[in-house]
Protein backbone atom coordinates (compact mmCIF):
# COMPACT_ATOMS: atom_id res chain seq x y z
CA MET A 1 0.00 0.00 0.00
CA LYS A 2 2.85 2.34 0.89
CA PHE A 3 4.53 1.52 -2.45
CA ILE A 4 1.33 2.35 -4.38
CA THR A 5 1.02 5.64 -2.50
CA GLN A 6 4.60 6.56 -3.37
CA LEU A 7 3.91 5.79 -7.05
CA SER A 8 0.83 8.02 -6.98
CA ILE A 9 2.79 10.85 -5.41
CA SER A 10 5.56 10.47 -8.00
CA ALA A 11 3.06 10.52 -10.88
CA LEU A 12 1.39 13.62 -9.47
CA ALA A 13 4.76 15.30 -9.08
CA LEU A 14 5.59 14.57 -12.72
CA MET A 15 2.28 16.03 -13.87
CA LEU A 16 2.76 19.15 -11.79
CA SER A 17 6.31 19.63 -13.02
CA ALA A 18 5.14 19.27 -16.63
CA ASN A 19 2.52 21.97 -16.06
CA ILE A 20 5.07 24.24 -14.37
CA PHE A 21 7.43 24.06 -17.33
CA ALA A 22 4.70 24.26 -20.00
CA THR A 23 4.88 27.31 -22.22
CA GLU A 24 1.90 28.91 -23.91
CA THR A 25 2.52 28.90 -27.65
CA SER A 26 0.36 30.68 -30.22
CA ILE A 27 -0.41 29.29 -33.67
CA MET A 28 -2.39 31.11 -36.34
CA ILE A 29 -4.51 28.68 -38.38
CA ARG A 30 -6.07 29.62 -41.70
CA ALA A 31 -8.19 27.93 -44.39
CA LYS A 32 -7.76 28.83 -48.05
CA ALA A 33 -10.01 27.77 -50.91
CA VAL A 34 -8.18 26.11 -53.80
CA ASP A 35 -7.72 28.66 -56.63
CA ALA A 36 -9.36 31.35 -54.51
CA LYS A 37 -9.14 33.24 -51.21
CA TYR A 38 -9.34 32.62 -47.48
CA ILE A 39 -12.45 31.02 -46.00
CA GLY A 40 -14.06 32.92 -43.15
CA THR A 41 -17.14 34.57 -41.70
CA SER A 42 -18.99 35.22 -44.97
CA VAL A 43 -19.62 31.48 -45.48
CA GLY A 44 -20.27 30.56 -41.85
CA GLY A 45 -16.69 30.04 -40.66
CA VAL A 46 -14.53 26.95 -40.36
CA LYS A 47 -14.15 24.76 -37.26
CA ALA A 48 -10.49 24.33 -36.25
CA VAL A 49 -9.25 21.59 -33.90
CA VAL A 50 -5.69 21.26 -32.62
CA GLU A 51 -4.73 17.89 -31.18
CA ASP A 52 -1.69 15.81 -30.35
CA ALA A 53 -0.98 13.71 -33.44
CA GLU A 54 0.13 10.71 -31.36
CA THR A 55 -2.36 10.68 -28.47
CA GLY A 56 -5.38 12.49 -29.94
CA GLU A 57 -5.51 14.88 -26.96
CA ILE A 58 -7.34 18.06 -27.96
CA LEU A 59 -5.20 21.06 -27.01
CA ASP A 60 -7.39 23.84 -28.41
CA GLN A 61 -10.31 24.40 -30.75
CA GLY A 62 -12.31 27.29 -32.13
CA TRP A 63 -13.58 29.02 -35.25
CA ILE A 64 -11.80 30.58 -38.19
CA LYS A 65 -13.43 33.99 -38.67
CA GLY A 66 -12.63 37.13 -40.63
CA ASP A 67 -12.57 38.33 -44.22
CA THR A 68 -11.34 36.59 -47.36
CA GLY A 69 -8.20 38.67 -47.87
CA SER A 70 -7.00 40.77 -50.78
CA THR A 71 -8.04 39.67 -54.27
CA LYS A 72 -5.10 41.60 -55.70
CA SER A 73 -2.49 39.97 -53.46
CA LEU A 74 -3.94 36.47 -53.72
CA ILE A 75 -5.28 36.23 -57.28
CA THR A 76 -4.75 39.05 -59.76
CA ASP A 77 -1.28 40.25 -58.74
CA PRO A 78 0.29 37.70 -56.38
CA ILE A 79 3.07 39.11 -54.23
CA ALA A 80 6.59 37.71 -54.13
CA ARG A 81 7.71 34.69 -52.17
CA GLY A 82 8.31 35.39 -48.49
CA GLN A 83 5.94 38.33 -48.26
CA VAL A 84 2.96 38.05 -45.91
CA LEU A 85 -0.36 37.45 -47.69
CA THR A 86 -2.62 38.29 -44.77
CA ASN A 87 -3.38 41.15 -42.39
CA GLU A 88 -5.16 41.61 -39.08
CA THR A 89 -8.64 41.21 -40.62
CA THR A 90 -7.93 38.11 -42.73
CA ALA A 91 -9.83 35.01 -41.58
CA GLY A 92 -7.97 32.91 -39.03
CA PHE A 93 -8.07 31.25 -35.62
CA LEU A 94 -5.31 31.99 -33.11
CA ALA A 95 -4.84 28.73 -31.22
CA LYS A 96 -2.98 28.69 -27.91
CA VAL A 97 -1.41 25.47 -26.64
CA ASP A 98 0.49 24.78 -23.42
CA ILE A 99 3.41 22.47 -24.17
CA SER A 100 6.63 21.68 -22.29
CA SER A 101 8.50 19.96 -25.14
CA PRO A 102 8.31 19.82 -28.95
CA ARG A 103 5.12 18.03 -30.00
CA LEU A 104 3.76 16.84 -33.30
CA LEU A 105 0.33 18.42 -33.58
CA ARG A 106 -2.54 17.75 -35.94
CA PHE A 107 -4.56 20.66 -37.31
CA LYS A 108 -8.02 19.67 -38.52
CA LEU A 109 -10.46 21.97 -40.32
CA ILE A 110 -14.13 21.41 -41.18
CA GLY A 111 -16.20 23.94 -43.12
CA PRO A 112 -17.74 26.10 -44.42
CA TYR A 113 -20.50 25.74 -41.83
CA GLY A 114 -22.89 28.15 -43.56
CA TYR A 115 -23.36 25.57 -46.34
CA ARG A 116 -23.61 22.11 -44.81
CA GLN A 117 -23.97 20.42 -48.22
CA SER A 118 -20.53 21.79 -49.11
CA LEU A 119 -18.64 20.81 -45.94
CA GLN A 120 -15.05 19.81 -46.57
CA GLU A 121 -12.35 18.54 -44.22
CA ALA A 122 -8.61 19.20 -44.34
CA THR A 123 -5.88 17.95 -42.02
CA VAL A 124 -2.15 18.54 -41.68
CA THR A 125 0.47 17.80 -39.03
CA SER A 126 3.33 20.01 -37.92
CA TRP A 127 5.88 20.08 -35.14
CA VAL A 128 5.43 22.91 -32.65
CA ILE A 129 8.21 24.09 -30.32
CA PRO A 130 7.36 25.59 -26.90
CA GLY A 131 7.50 29.37 -27.04
CA LYS A 132 8.05 29.50 -30.81
CA ASP A 133 4.86 31.18 -32.00
CA ILE A 134 3.67 30.59 -35.57
CA LEU A 135 2.01 33.84 -36.62
CA GLY A 136 1.55 35.92 -39.78
CA ASP A 137 0.13 33.69 -42.49
CA GLY A 138 0.50 30.88 -39.95
CA ILE A 139 -0.37 27.31 -40.85
CA THR A 140 -2.61 27.45 -43.92
CA LEU A 141 -4.64 24.47 -45.10
CA ASN A 142 -6.01 24.38 -48.64
CA MET A 143 -9.61 23.21 -48.95
CA SER A 144 -10.98 22.08 -52.31
CA GLY A 145 -14.53 22.33 -53.60
CA PHE A 146 -17.34 24.71 -54.55
CA ILE A 147 -20.41 25.90 -52.71
CA VAL A 148 -23.37 24.59 -54.74
CA ASP A 149 -27.00 25.34 -53.83
CA ALA A 150 -29.52 23.66 -56.16
CA TRP A 151 -33.29 23.79 -56.58
CA THR A 152 -35.95 22.93 -59.18
CA ASN A 153 -39.19 24.31 -60.57
CA VAL A 154 -41.70 21.77 -61.93
CA LEU A 155 -44.15 23.03 -64.55
CA GLU A 156 -47.16 21.47 -66.26
CA GLY A 157 -46.48 18.73 -68.77
CA GLY A 158 -43.44 17.37 -66.94
CA HIS A 159 -41.27 20.36 -67.79
CA VAL A 160 -38.55 20.84 -65.18
CA GLU A 161 -36.31 23.86 -64.67
CA ILE A 162 -33.11 23.23 -62.73
CA PHE A 163 -31.19 26.00 -61.02
CA THR A 164 -28.00 26.27 -59.03
CA LYS A 165 -26.20 29.13 -57.37
CA ALA A 166 -22.50 28.40 -57.07
CA SER A 167 -19.37 30.07 -55.74
CA LEU A 168 -15.86 29.21 -54.71
CA LEU A 169 -15.53 27.66 -51.24
CA CYS A 170 -14.63 31.08 -49.81
CA GLY A 171 -17.81 32.57 -51.26
CA CYS A 172 -15.90 34.31 -54.06
CA PRO A 173 -18.29 35.11 -56.95
CA ILE A 174 -18.46 33.40 -60.32
CA SER A 175 -19.11 36.02 -62.99
CA PRO A 176 -17.98 36.87 -66.54
CA ASN A 177 -14.74 38.82 -66.89
CA GLY A 178 -13.90 38.28 -63.22
CA PRO A 179 -11.17 36.13 -61.67
CA TRP A 180 -13.59 33.18 -61.64
CA ASP A 181 -15.13 33.02 -65.11
CA PRO A 182 -18.15 30.68 -65.53
CA ARG A 183 -16.69 29.44 -68.82
CA ASP A 184 -14.02 27.65 -66.78
CA TYR A 185 -16.57 25.43 -65.03
CA GLU A 186 -18.81 22.54 -66.01
CA ALA A 187 -22.28 22.62 -64.43
CA THR A 188 -24.44 19.51 -64.79
CA ALA A 189 -27.54 17.95 -63.23
CA ILE A 190 -27.87 14.16 -63.03
CA LEU A 191 -31.50 13.10 -62.62
CA MET A 192 -32.24 9.89 -60.74
CA GLN A 193 -35.41 7.88 -60.17
CA ASP A 194 -35.39 4.77 -57.97
CA ASP A 195 -31.57 4.95 -57.90
CA MET A 196 -31.43 4.81 -61.69
CA LYS A 197 -30.04 7.59 -63.86
CA VAL A 198 -32.75 8.81 -66.22
CA ASP A 199 -31.31 12.04 -67.61
CA GLU A 200 -28.32 14.35 -67.59
CA VAL A 201 -28.82 18.07 -68.13
CA THR A 202 -26.17 20.66 -68.92
CA LEU A 203 -26.64 23.87 -66.94
CA ASP A 204 -25.68 27.10 -68.69
CA PHE A 205 -24.55 30.25 -66.93
CA THR A 206 -27.43 32.74 -66.88
CA GLY A 207 -26.05 35.12 -64.25
CA PRO A 208 -25.68 37.68 -63.20
CA VAL A 209 -23.56 36.09 -60.46
CA GLY A 210 -23.14 32.36 -59.94
CA ILE A 211 -26.48 31.26 -61.42
CA PHE A 212 -26.60 28.26 -63.79
CA THR A 213 -29.84 26.89 -65.26
CA GLY A 214 -31.10 24.05 -67.44
CA LYS A 215 -34.35 22.50 -68.63
CA THR A 216 -35.68 19.05 -69.39
CA THR A 217 -38.96 17.17 -69.77
CA LEU A 218 -39.88 14.00 -67.86
CA THR A 219 -42.88 11.85 -68.74
CA THR A 220 -42.79 9.20 -66.02
CA PRO A 221 -44.55 10.28 -62.81
CA GLY A 222 -42.92 9.84 -59.43
CA LEU A 223 -40.19 11.19 -57.18
CA TYR A 224 -36.88 12.29 -58.66
CA LYS A 225 -33.54 13.34 -57.25
CA ALA A 226 -31.38 15.94 -58.97
CA ILE A 227 -27.66 15.68 -58.23
CA VAL A 228 -26.15 18.96 -59.35
CA TYR A 229 -22.40 19.42 -59.62
CA LEU A 230 -19.87 22.05 -60.60
CA PHE A 231 -16.48 20.85 -61.86
CA ASP A 232 -13.22 22.61 -62.71
CA LYS A 233 -10.99 20.29 -64.72
CA LYS A 234 -7.96 22.57 -64.26
CA THR A 235 -7.93 22.50 -60.46
CA GLY A 236 -10.02 19.41 -59.71
CA ASN A 237 -12.45 21.46 -57.63
CA VAL A 238 -15.85 19.76 -57.31
CA GLY A 239 -19.02 20.88 -55.57
CA VAL A 240 -22.30 18.93 -55.27
CA ASP A 241 -25.82 19.52 -54.02
CA ARG A 242 -28.90 17.29 -54.14
CA THR A 243 -32.56 18.18 -54.30
CA MET A 244 -35.82 16.23 -54.67
CA PHE A 245 -38.84 16.95 -56.86
CA GLU A 246 -42.00 15.16 -58.03
CA ILE A 247 -43.67 14.67 -61.40
CA ASN A 248 -47.41 14.16 -60.96
CA GLU A 249 -49.59 11.87 -63.03
CA LYS A 250 -51.54 13.57 -65.79
């Protein structure tokens, strides 16, 4: 019994000493949309989790908030290597971890939370040294995809109009003559009934910002599912949304 007590005291002493020597270390975490800007408040924010890569212990968590950054610096006139891309208003989460020795940490992002159908996840690991803050642009994770919001309008005679409003994952607009030209993207609706593909409809850009539309006619009554996607073959970005509609019997 005495031996067990001594072990407990020793373990407690080790824990206390680890806490005494722990140093608060700050890490700026950011999310950036592939081929676009930073992801932040305008699309509902991104959940950030910092955990020990070996034990899974969560050391800090919070929300990436802020603006999308400078279009000029990020897209139209990128600045030179080594220069900071962000400022004090650019979307980010300043994590604070208490560590007493170098630790391999995992940074996990999930978002954008304003568009649940477009949620993406990104993860990276990095060593962090006690007292060596990682600030400025910080640790930036790229997140692929588009925000796609689809709906339909069913008319008499089985005529169906299909619509989608799309943007980059940061909420950056798709419009002619802008950095994100609709001609660069393929918008398509796959129509399903009873888990069988019955039609595929090309959606054309009708604008003014991010709107793609298409039409088809269906003669078989019943419930249908439209799977609408946006695809960029140059970057591999893909976004998908699904919506249901019904064709009534005549």
